[in-house]
Amino acid sequence: MTTIDYNERIPNNVNLSGDRRLQRALEQWQPKFVDWWCEMGPVEYQDADVFLRTAVSVDRDGWAQFDYVKMPDYRWGIFLSDPEPDRRISFGDDKGQPVWQEVPGEHRSDLRRLIVVQGDTEPASVEQQRHLCRTAPSLYDLRNLFQVNVEEGRHLWAMVYLLHGFFGRDGRDEADAMLQRHSGDTDNPRILGAFNEQTPDWLSFYFFTYFTDRDGKYQLASLAESSFDPLARTCDFMLKEEAHHMFVGATGIGRVAQRTVELMKEHDTDDVHPYGGINIDTLQRYLNFHYSVSLDLFGAETSTNAANYFAAGLKGRFQETKRDDDHQLHGDNRTILTVEGGRVVEHEVNSLAAINATLRDDYSADCAIGLERWNRTLAAVGAELKLPHVGFHRAVGQFRDVHLDPEGHVIDQATWDANEARWLPTEEDRAHVASLMVPVTEAGKMAGWIAPPAQGIGGRPVDMAYVRT
């Protein structure tokens, strides 16, 4: 087990003090990061004591501790999972060869691009969520928001360490650029479209952390298979923290559904908006939006770049080593969905070209698990939430130039225009949800549109003052 040295200016378990050049470079980047955090991080509570989790080791059990800390004083740092002795490349054309501890020259550009794209998403989500602290439904939720935020900041540090440590001047320039792009900025936006969308309310936040952070899980898991061992070990540890972000989304939506059911029963109605709740059809429209936007993050179903990354050993599949095939895929085929003759059909392609589609399919199956939990709550009123068809409301891939309804039927523009308000959040939906966003700052109290959590944080009670102002 590798512990983390918190006596260093930059906490780490990579012996940063043993590389003075790299240490100086990162210490010069550190104040830029803090400036970015203070300017683009949470708009309030920067001086508050927040009950946050901090990593103390990188093993799977007992690796974190809880204590009150002011967010600008949070000890962001660089943490890699322990190395696997004699680790070998598990996929691609070099399968069976030793993994790389340095960046091979022929893969330098592609690896840098993968790291930059992943790294850019981390500060982007902090920027998207920076105003939510003003409307938190409880101190419990406010603390969870801040925990997500500081961990996204640490994930940025993880990618910046790789850029500084292995890519020279180009890497240092890319690290600076990740603090210069901003979510939704007209002139210098974030790289991926979903990270330029607004997160204006807590319902959006819960769906974002459920769907979009789950995309992060699958992207990180595929990078954790990388033949570039420092990247793999970095992503493996990040996945431990990412699980909390998805927990926030899954339990958040579950608690909203629970409160909706309570209000429906109390007032004997399907329309709980007059009683300060959120209707099930509104939840479905938010779900449709966030799921479809998150699907676009996987890219086109067939991709030469993705195939090349896999063949080169740069980025694998989810749980690569558990798959029952040759892990090279040159002779394997699979089907993807496409539109021909006005209907959705299956089309056979080489599995290597369809790496993105395989990762997306694994993601969709994982997303469905959460719906089963929410629907057990909604069954009390005979309702359920559904994932829309993967071709619904898409801007990337096989379905980008056609319209499909949520059931997967190809429709024309007129039909889409006539039904869009049934399928995606309307101005009225957003206005109603916005009207509910009134902060609750008394310990143990909850906003009327969401149920309390089943338990508190780190073994503490739900009514604890998780944020001290």
Protein backbone atom coordinates (compact mmCIF):
# COMPACT_ATOMS: atom_id res chain seq x y z
CA MET A 1 0.00 0.00 0.00
CA THR A 2 1.29 3.46 -0.94
CA THR A 3 0.44 6.23 1.49
CA ILE A 4 0.23 9.87 0.48
CA ASP A 5 2.72 12.41 1.79
CA TYR A 6 0.76 15.44 2.99
CA ASN A 7 3.89 17.17 4.25
CA GLU A 8 4.77 18.11 0.69
CA ARG A 9 3.56 21.38 -0.82
CA ILE A 10 1.85 19.20 -3.44
CA PRO A 11 0.64 15.99 -1.72
CA ASN A 12 1.70 12.97 -3.76
CA ASN A 13 2.75 9.34 -3.75
CA VAL A 14 4.99 9.58 -6.83
CA ASN A 15 8.18 10.79 -5.09
CA LEU A 16 7.76 14.24 -6.57
CA SER A 17 10.60 15.59 -4.42
CA GLY A 18 12.92 13.22 -6.26
CA ASP A 19 12.36 15.09 -9.55
CA ARG A 20 13.19 18.72 -8.84
CA ARG A 21 12.50 19.91 -12.39
CA LEU A 22 8.99 18.43 -12.39
CA GLN A 23 8.35 19.61 -8.83
CA ARG A 24 9.27 23.20 -9.72
CA ALA A 25 7.08 23.11 -12.84
CA LEU A 26 4.05 21.87 -10.91
CA GLU A 27 4.65 24.33 -8.07
CA GLN A 28 4.55 27.11 -10.69
CA TRP A 29 1.26 25.72 -12.05
CA GLN A 30 -0.28 25.37 -8.58
CA PRO A 31 -1.06 29.09 -7.98
CA LYS A 32 -2.66 29.27 -11.43
CA PHE A 33 -4.94 26.43 -10.39
CA VAL A 34 -5.85 28.12 -7.09
CA ASP A 35 -6.60 31.35 -8.96
CA TRP A 36 -8.85 29.40 -11.34
CA TRP A 37 -10.60 27.72 -8.39
CA CYS A 38 -11.30 31.04 -6.67
CA GLU A 39 -12.48 32.66 -9.91
CA MET A 40 -14.40 29.79 -11.54
CA GLY A 41 -15.17 27.40 -8.66
CA PRO A 42 -18.15 27.66 -6.27
CA VAL A 43 -19.38 31.25 -6.12
CA GLU A 44 -19.98 31.11 -2.37
CA TYR A 45 -18.85 29.20 0.76
CA GLN A 46 -15.15 29.47 -0.07
CA ASP A 47 -14.51 30.48 3.56
CA ALA A 48 -16.86 27.89 5.05
CA ASP A 49 -15.74 24.74 6.85
CA VAL A 50 -16.93 21.79 4.76
CA PHE A 51 -16.96 18.16 5.89
CA LEU A 52 -14.85 16.72 3.07
CA ARG A 53 -13.22 13.40 2.29
CA THR A 54 -9.47 13.39 1.65
CA ALA A 55 -7.46 10.47 0.30
CA VAL A 56 -4.78 9.10 2.63
CA SER A 57 -3.72 6.02 0.68
CA VAL A 58 -4.46 4.37 -2.66
CA ASP A 59 -5.52 0.88 -1.60
CA ARG A 60 -9.11 -0.23 -2.01
CA ASP A 61 -10.01 -0.22 1.69
CA GLY A 62 -9.76 2.59 4.20
CA TRP A 63 -8.14 5.03 1.83
CA ALA A 64 -10.00 8.18 2.90
CA GLN A 65 -10.61 10.29 5.98
CA PHE A 66 -13.27 12.92 6.75
CA ASP A 67 -12.76 16.30 8.36
CA TYR A 68 -13.76 19.93 8.08
CA VAL A 69 -11.68 21.98 5.65
CA LYS A 70 -12.06 25.23 3.71
CA MET A 71 -12.19 24.41 0.02
CA PRO A 72 -9.29 26.66 -1.10
CA ASP A 73 -7.18 24.85 1.52
CA TYR A 74 -8.10 21.39 0.25
CA ARG A 75 -4.95 19.34 -0.33
CA TRP A 76 -5.22 18.55 -4.01
CA GLY A 77 -2.42 16.32 -5.17
CA ILE A 78 -1.11 13.53 -7.37
CA PHE A 79 -2.08 9.96 -6.50
CA LEU A 80 -1.38 6.83 -8.54
CA SER A 81 -2.52 3.33 -7.67
CA ASP A 82 0.21 0.93 -6.62
CA PRO A 83 2.10 -0.59 -9.58
CA GLU A 84 1.26 -4.12 -10.67
CA PRO A 85 4.45 -6.22 -10.76
CA ASP A 86 5.44 -7.31 -14.27
CA ARG A 87 2.29 -5.82 -15.76
CA ARG A 88 1.87 -6.72 -19.43
CA ILE A 89 -0.07 -5.10 -22.27
CA SER A 90 -3.47 -6.79 -22.29
CA PHE A 91 -4.82 -5.82 -25.72
CA GLY A 92 -3.90 -4.55 -29.16
CA ASP A 93 -1.08 -5.43 -31.50
CA ASP A 94 1.57 -5.48 -28.73
CA LYS A 95 -0.45 -7.72 -26.40
CA GLY A 96 1.85 -9.58 -24.01
CA GLN A 97 4.70 -7.08 -24.14
CA PRO A 98 5.75 -5.12 -21.00
CA VAL A 99 3.75 -1.94 -20.39
CA TRP A 100 5.41 1.41 -21.02
CA GLN A 101 6.78 3.59 -18.25
CA GLU A 102 7.63 6.34 -20.75
CA VAL A 103 5.69 7.63 -23.75
CA PRO A 104 6.69 5.91 -27.01
CA GLY A 105 7.57 8.56 -29.57
CA GLU A 106 5.17 7.18 -32.19
CA HIS A 107 2.24 7.50 -29.76
CA ARG A 108 3.14 10.83 -28.22
CA SER A 109 0.57 12.96 -30.04
CA ASP A 110 -2.33 10.52 -29.58
CA LEU A 111 -1.63 9.98 -25.89
CA ARG A 112 -1.37 13.70 -25.26
CA ARG A 113 -4.70 14.24 -27.00
CA LEU A 114 -6.43 11.54 -24.93
CA ILE A 115 -5.09 13.02 -21.69
CA VAL A 116 -6.03 16.58 -22.66
CA VAL A 117 -9.62 15.66 -23.60
CA GLN A 118 -10.09 13.74 -20.35
CA GLY A 119 -8.44 16.49 -18.31
CA ASP A 120 -10.56 19.22 -19.91
CA THR A 121 -13.79 17.64 -18.65
CA GLU A 122 -12.73 17.90 -15.00
CA PRO A 123 -12.60 21.69 -14.49
CA ALA A 124 -15.47 22.05 -16.96
CA SER A 125 -17.94 20.33 -14.64
CA VAL A 126 -16.83 22.52 -11.72
CA GLU A 127 -17.55 25.59 -13.85
CA GLN A 128 -20.94 24.21 -14.90
CA GLN A 129 -21.92 23.70 -11.25
CA ARG A 130 -20.44 26.81 -9.68
CA HIS A 131 -23.78 28.56 -8.97
CA LEU A 132 -25.58 25.53 -7.50
CA CYS A 133 -24.30 26.26 -4.00
CA ARG A 134 -26.79 29.14 -3.82
CA THR A 135 -29.82 26.84 -4.11
CA ALA A 136 -28.85 23.59 -2.32
CA PRO A 137 -31.84 21.65 -0.96
CA SER A 138 -29.94 20.77 2.24
CA LEU A 139 -26.53 21.02 3.87
CA TYR A 140 -26.09 17.31 3.12
CA ASP A 141 -26.50 18.01 -0.59
CA LEU A 142 -24.39 21.15 -0.45
CA ARG A 143 -21.53 19.16 1.03
CA ASN A 144 -21.90 16.46 -1.67
CA LEU A 145 -21.70 19.13 -4.36
CA PHE A 146 -18.48 20.45 -2.87
CA GLN A 147 -17.03 16.94 -2.54
CA VAL A 148 -17.70 16.36 -6.23
CA ASN A 149 -16.13 19.71 -7.06
CA VAL A 150 -12.89 19.22 -5.14
CA GLU A 151 -12.47 15.72 -6.56
CA GLU A 152 -12.96 17.01 -10.09
CA GLY A 153 -10.22 19.49 -9.26
CA ARG A 154 -7.98 16.66 -8.13
CA HIS A 155 -8.71 14.74 -11.33
CA LEU A 156 -7.47 17.77 -13.23
CA TRP A 157 -4.28 17.55 -11.17
CA ALA A 158 -3.95 13.89 -12.20
CA MET A 159 -3.95 14.76 -15.90
CA VAL A 160 -1.73 17.81 -15.40
CA TYR A 161 0.87 15.65 -13.67
CA LEU A 162 1.02 13.40 -16.75
CA LEU A 163 1.26 16.37 -19.11
CA HIS A 164 4.04 18.01 -17.10
CA GLY A 165 5.85 14.79 -16.33
CA PHE A 166 5.90 13.15 -19.74
CA PHE A 167 5.20 15.69 -22.51
CA GLY A 168 7.66 18.54 -21.94
CA ARG A 169 6.82 22.04 -23.13
CA ASP A 170 3.82 20.85 -25.14
CA GLY A 171 2.39 19.28 -22.01
CA ARG A 172 2.95 22.39 -19.92
CA ASP A 173 1.19 24.51 -22.55
CA GLU A 174 -1.76 22.09 -22.61
CA ALA A 175 -1.98 22.21 -18.81
CA ASP A 176 -2.18 26.01 -18.92
CA ALA A 177 -4.82 25.88 -21.66
CA MET A 178 -7.11 23.76 -19.47
CA LEU A 179 -7.37 26.70 -17.09
CA GLN A 180 -7.98 29.15 -19.95
CA ARG A 181 -10.90 27.35 -21.61
CA HIS A 182 -14.21 27.79 -19.81
CA SER A 183 -17.53 25.98 -19.98
CA GLY A 184 -19.90 27.75 -22.35
CA ASP A 185 -17.37 30.43 -23.31
CA THR A 186 -18.17 31.73 -26.79
CA ASP A 187 -14.56 32.27 -27.81
CA ASN A 188 -12.77 29.53 -25.85
CA PRO A 189 -15.20 26.77 -24.85
CA ARG A 190 -14.50 23.34 -23.40
CA ILE A 191 -13.58 20.63 -25.90
CA LEU A 192 -16.66 18.38 -25.57
CA GLY A 193 -20.15 19.71 -26.17
CA ALA A 194 -21.81 18.25 -23.06
CA PHE A 195 -19.40 20.25 -20.92
CA ASN A 196 -20.58 23.51 -22.41
CA GLU A 197 -24.20 22.88 -21.42
CA GLN A 198 -25.58 24.72 -18.41
CA THR A 199 -26.29 22.98 -15.12
CA PRO A 200 -28.79 25.56 -13.86
CA ASP A 201 -30.60 23.60 -11.16
CA TRP A 202 -30.22 20.64 -8.83
CA LEU A 203 -32.39 18.32 -10.91
CA SER A 204 -29.97 18.88 -13.79
CA PHE A 205 -27.07 18.28 -11.40
CA TYR A 206 -28.42 14.91 -10.28
CA PHE A 207 -28.99 13.77 -13.85
CA PHE A 208 -25.57 15.12 -14.86
CA THR A 209 -23.78 13.21 -12.11
CA TYR A 210 -25.76 10.08 -12.92
CA PHE A 211 -25.36 10.10 -16.70
CA THR A 212 -22.41 12.32 -17.60
CA ASP A 213 -20.18 11.28 -14.71
CA ARG A 214 -21.02 7.70 -15.64
CA ASP A 215 -19.57 8.43 -19.08
CA GLY A 216 -16.51 9.55 -17.14
CA LYS A 217 -16.43 6.16 -15.41
CA TYR A 218 -16.34 4.33 -18.72
CA GLN A 219 -13.78 6.64 -20.30
CA LEU A 220 -11.54 6.36 -17.24
CA ALA A 221 -11.98 2.59 -17.10
CA SER A 222 -10.90 2.26 -20.73
CA LEU A 223 -7.86 4.49 -20.07
CA ALA A 224 -7.08 2.44 -16.96
CA GLU A 225 -6.35 -0.44 -19.36
CA SER A 226 -3.74 1.65 -21.20
CA SER A 227 -0.29 0.28 -21.99
CA PHE A 228 1.10 3.60 -20.73
CA ASP A 229 1.33 2.52 -17.11
CA PRO A 230 1.34 5.97 -15.40
CA LEU A 231 -1.93 6.81 -17.18
CA ALA A 232 -3.46 3.46 -16.24
CA ARG A 233 -2.49 3.82 -12.58
CA THR A 234 -3.76 7.41 -12.47
CA CYS A 235 -7.16 6.49 -13.89
CA ASP A 236 -7.51 3.46 -11.65
CA PHE A 237 -7.36 5.70 -8.60
CA MET A 238 -9.66 8.32 -10.15
CA LEU A 239 -12.33 5.63 -10.57
CA LYS A 240 -12.47 5.20 -6.79
CA GLU A 241 -13.48 8.87 -6.46
CA GLU A 242 -15.77 8.83 -9.52
CA ALA A 243 -18.01 6.28 -7.82
CA HIS A 244 -19.10 8.92 -5.29
CA HIS A 245 -20.17 11.30 -8.07
CA MET A 246 -22.48 8.68 -9.57
CA PHE A 247 -23.79 7.86 -6.09
CA VAL A 248 -24.79 11.51 -5.68
CA GLY A 249 -26.75 11.37 -8.94
CA ALA A 250 -28.36 7.98 -8.36
CA THR A 251 -29.51 8.74 -4.83
CA GLY A 252 -30.47 12.31 -5.71
CA ILE A 253 -32.87 11.24 -8.45
CA GLY A 254 -34.13 8.42 -6.25
CA ARG A 255 -34.94 10.89 -3.48
CA VAL A 256 -36.75 13.20 -5.93
CA ALA A 257 -38.80 10.23 -7.17
CA GLN A 258 -39.60 9.24 -3.59
CA ARG A 259 -40.85 12.73 -2.74
CA THR A 260 -42.93 12.86 -5.92
CA VAL A 261 -44.62 9.59 -4.96
CA GLU A 262 -45.29 10.90 -1.45
CA LEU A 263 -46.93 14.05 -2.81
CA MET A 264 -48.96 12.10 -5.37
CA LYS A 265 -50.37 9.89 -2.64
CA GLU A 266 -50.94 12.74 -0.21
CA HIS A 267 -52.89 14.84 -2.72
CA ASP A 268 -54.31 12.01 -4.88
CA THR A 269 -53.04 13.53 -8.12
CA ASP A 270 -50.51 13.00 -10.91
CA ASP A 271 -49.76 16.72 -10.97
CA VAL A 272 -47.66 17.63 -7.93
CA HIS A 273 -46.35 20.91 -9.33
CA PRO A 274 -48.93 22.95 -7.36
CA TYR A 275 -47.68 21.23 -4.19
CA GLY A 276 -44.01 21.99 -4.69
CA GLY A 277 -42.99 18.68 -6.28
CA ILE A 278 -41.68 17.53 -9.65
CA ASN A 279 -43.96 15.55 -11.95
CA ILE A 280 -42.86 12.21 -13.35
CA ASP A 281 -43.17 13.38 -16.96
CA THR A 282 -40.81 16.25 -16.12
CA LEU A 283 -38.32 13.75 -14.71
CA GLN A 284 -38.61 11.73 -17.92
CA ARG A 285 -37.89 14.76 -20.11
CA TYR A 286 -34.81 15.67 -18.06
CA LEU A 287 -33.67 12.06 -18.27
CA ASN A 288 -34.12 12.01 -22.05
CA PHE A 289 -32.00 15.13 -22.43
CA HIS A 290 -29.10 14.18 -20.19
CA TYR A 291 -28.89 10.59 -21.41
CA SER A 292 -28.85 11.56 -25.08
CA VAL A 293 -26.27 14.32 -24.59
CA SER A 294 -24.07 11.92 -22.64
CA LEU A 295 -24.28 9.30 -25.40
CA ASP A 296 -22.70 11.81 -27.77
CA LEU A 297 -19.58 11.83 -25.57
CA PHE A 298 -18.73 8.34 -26.82
CA GLY A 299 -18.26 9.61 -30.37
CA ALA A 300 -19.34 7.95 -33.60
CA GLU A 301 -20.23 4.26 -33.51
CA THR A 302 -17.41 3.47 -35.92
CA SER A 303 -14.15 5.36 -35.59
CA THR A 304 -10.74 4.94 -37.21
CA ASN A 305 -9.17 6.86 -34.33
CA ALA A 306 -10.72 4.59 -31.70
CA ALA A 307 -9.60 1.51 -33.65
CA ASN A 308 -6.08 2.89 -33.88
CA TYR A 309 -6.00 3.71 -30.17
CA PHE A 310 -7.03 0.14 -29.36
CA ALA A 311 -4.59 -1.50 -31.77
CA ALA A 312 -1.78 0.68 -30.41
CA GLY A 313 -2.62 -0.23 -26.80
CA LEU A 314 -3.51 3.33 -25.80
CA LYS A 315 -7.13 2.84 -24.74
CA GLY A 316 -8.89 -0.46 -24.12
CA ARG A 317 -12.46 -1.53 -23.52
CA PHE A 318 -14.31 -1.55 -20.22
CA GLN A 319 -12.96 -4.44 -18.12
CA GLU A 320 -10.74 -5.51 -21.00
CA THR A 321 -9.05 -8.41 -19.23
CA LYS A 322 -12.39 -10.03 -18.34
CA ARG A 323 -13.53 -10.27 -21.97
CA ASP A 324 -13.58 -13.65 -23.67
CA ASP A 325 -11.86 -12.92 -26.97
CA ASP A 326 -8.34 -12.49 -28.36
CA HIS A 327 -8.18 -8.78 -27.29
CA GLN A 328 -7.01 -7.82 -30.78
CA LEU A 329 -10.27 -8.07 -32.76
CA HIS A 330 -8.87 -8.04 -36.30
CA GLY A 331 -11.16 -10.86 -37.43
CA ASP A 332 -14.15 -10.13 -35.20
CA ASN A 333 -17.40 -8.49 -36.31
CA ARG A 334 -20.37 -7.03 -34.48
CA THR A 335 -23.53 -5.17 -35.44
CA ILE A 336 -24.31 -1.50 -34.98
CA LEU A 337 -27.57 0.34 -35.49
CA THR A 338 -28.03 2.69 -38.42
CA VAL A 339 -30.87 4.15 -40.49
CA GLU A 340 -31.64 2.78 -43.94
CA GLY A 341 -34.81 3.29 -45.93
CA GLY A 342 -36.46 5.27 -43.17
CA ARG A 343 -36.04 2.65 -40.45
CA VAL A 344 -33.47 1.51 -37.92
CA VAL A 345 -31.57 -1.59 -39.03
CA GLU A 346 -28.56 -3.59 -37.89
CA HIS A 347 -25.36 -3.33 -39.91
CA GLU A 348 -22.34 -5.61 -39.46
CA VAL A 349 -18.95 -3.96 -39.02
CA ASN A 350 -15.50 -4.95 -37.80
CA SER A 351 -15.39 -4.97 -34.00
CA LEU A 352 -12.15 -3.02 -33.99
CA ALA A 353 -13.80 -0.14 -35.84
CA ALA A 354 -16.76 -0.28 -33.44
CA ILE A 355 -14.85 0.17 -30.17
CA ASN A 356 -16.88 3.30 -29.36
CA ALA A 357 -20.16 1.44 -29.87
CA THR A 358 -19.03 -1.36 -27.55
CA LEU A 359 -18.10 1.09 -24.80
CA ARG A 360 -21.40 2.92 -25.26
CA ASP A 361 -23.39 -0.33 -25.06
CA ASP A 362 -21.71 -1.19 -21.76
CA TYR A 363 -22.54 2.30 -20.51
CA SER A 364 -26.21 2.03 -21.50
CA ALA A 365 -26.58 -1.30 -19.73
CA ASP A 366 -25.10 0.27 -16.59
CA CYS A 367 -27.44 3.26 -16.83
CA ALA A 368 -30.44 0.94 -16.90
CA ILE A 369 -29.57 -0.46 -13.47
CA GLY A 370 -30.31 2.86 -11.77
CA LEU A 371 -33.68 3.08 -13.50
CA GLU A 372 -34.65 -0.25 -11.98
CA ARG A 373 -34.07 1.18 -8.51
CA TRP A 374 -36.00 4.38 -9.20
CA ASN A 375 -38.84 2.42 -10.77
CA ARG A 376 -39.26 0.28 -7.68
CA THR A 377 -40.18 3.53 -5.92
CA LEU A 378 -42.40 4.76 -8.75
CA ALA A 379 -44.23 1.43 -8.97
CA ALA A 380 -46.23 2.52 -5.93
CA VAL A 381 -48.10 4.92 -8.23
CA GLY A 382 -48.00 2.73 -11.34
CA ALA A 383 -45.32 4.78 -13.10
CA GLU A 384 -41.81 4.22 -14.46
CA LEU A 385 -38.92 6.00 -16.12
CA LYS A 386 -37.39 4.67 -19.33
CA LEU A 387 -34.16 5.16 -21.22
CA PRO A 388 -34.97 6.51 -24.70
CA HIS A 389 -33.64 4.75 -27.79
CA VAL A 390 -29.92 5.35 -28.40
CA GLY A 391 -30.79 7.19 -31.62
CA PHE A 392 -33.03 9.73 -29.92
CA HIS A 393 -31.87 13.37 -29.90
CA ARG A 394 -28.36 12.66 -31.12
CA ALA A 395 -25.81 15.12 -32.51
CA VAL A 396 -22.97 12.62 -33.09
CA GLY A 397 -22.77 9.34 -34.98
CA GLN A 398 -25.21 7.36 -37.11
CA PHE A 399 -28.31 9.25 -35.93
CA ARG A 400 -27.05 12.84 -36.05
CA ASP A 401 -28.89 13.77 -39.26
CA VAL A 402 -32.23 12.06 -38.56
CA HIS A 403 -34.98 12.32 -35.97
CA LEU A 404 -36.09 9.35 -33.90
CA ASP A 405 -38.78 9.27 -31.25
CA PRO A 406 -37.90 7.83 -27.81
CA GLU A 407 -39.08 4.36 -28.91
CA GLY A 408 -36.68 4.37 -31.87
CA HIS A 409 -39.01 5.09 -34.79
CA VAL A 410 -37.68 7.33 -37.55
CA ILE A 411 -39.87 10.43 -37.84
CA ASP A 412 -39.95 13.52 -40.02
CA GLN A 413 -39.23 17.10 -39.00
CA ALA A 414 -42.88 18.02 -38.62
CA THR A 415 -43.52 15.12 -36.23
CA TRP A 416 -40.44 16.06 -34.22
CA ASP A 417 -41.54 19.69 -34.00
CA ALA A 418 -45.02 18.66 -32.88
CA ASN A 419 -43.70 16.39 -30.10
CA GLU A 420 -40.42 17.89 -28.92
CA ALA A 421 -42.14 19.46 -25.90
CA ARG A 422 -43.36 15.99 -24.85
CA TRP A 423 -39.87 14.53 -25.02
CA LEU A 424 -37.39 17.19 -23.92
CA PRO A 425 -37.47 19.75 -21.09
CA THR A 426 -39.62 22.75 -21.91
CA GLU A 427 -39.28 26.34 -20.76
CA GLU A 428 -42.19 25.65 -18.45
CA ASP A 429 -40.39 22.64 -16.97
CA ARG A 430 -37.24 24.62 -16.35
CA ALA A 431 -39.18 27.57 -14.91
CA HIS A 432 -41.02 25.29 -12.48
CA VAL A 433 -37.83 23.52 -11.38
CA ALA A 434 -36.12 26.90 -11.01
CA SER A 435 -38.97 28.09 -8.78
CA LEU A 436 -38.22 25.21 -6.39
CA MET A 437 -34.54 26.10 -6.08
CA VAL A 438 -34.76 27.81 -2.71
CA PRO A 439 -31.76 27.11 -0.44
CA VAL A 440 -32.21 25.18 2.81
CA THR A 441 -29.32 25.86 5.18
CA GLU A 442 -30.61 24.53 8.51
CA ALA A 443 -28.96 21.25 9.49
CA GLY A 444 -31.27 18.27 8.99
CA LYS A 445 -33.89 20.19 6.99
CA MET A 446 -34.76 19.35 3.36
CA ALA A 447 -36.41 21.23 0.54
CA GLY A 448 -39.97 20.13 -0.10
CA TRP A 449 -39.27 18.63 -3.54
CA ILE A 450 -36.76 16.00 -2.36
CA ALA A 451 -36.82 13.30 0.32
CA PRO A 452 -34.10 12.99 2.98
CA PRO A 453 -31.22 10.57 2.33
CA ALA A 454 -31.29 7.13 3.93
CA GLN A 455 -28.10 7.84 5.89
CA GLY A 456 -25.52 10.53 6.51
CA ILE A 457 -21.92 10.83 5.34
CA GLY A 458 -19.02 8.89 6.78
CA GLY A 459 -21.18 7.30 9.46
CA ARG A 460 -22.47 10.67 10.69
CA PRO A 461 -26.18 11.51 11.14
CA VAL A 462 -28.23 13.09 8.37
CA ASP A 463 -28.90 16.18 10.51
CA MET A 464 -25.23 17.01 11.02
CA ALA A 465 -24.04 20.50 9.97
CA TYR A 466 -22.00 19.30 7.00
CA VAL A 467 -21.21 22.87 6.02
CA ARG A 468 -20.43 25.43 8.73
CA THR A 469 -20.90 29.01 7.65
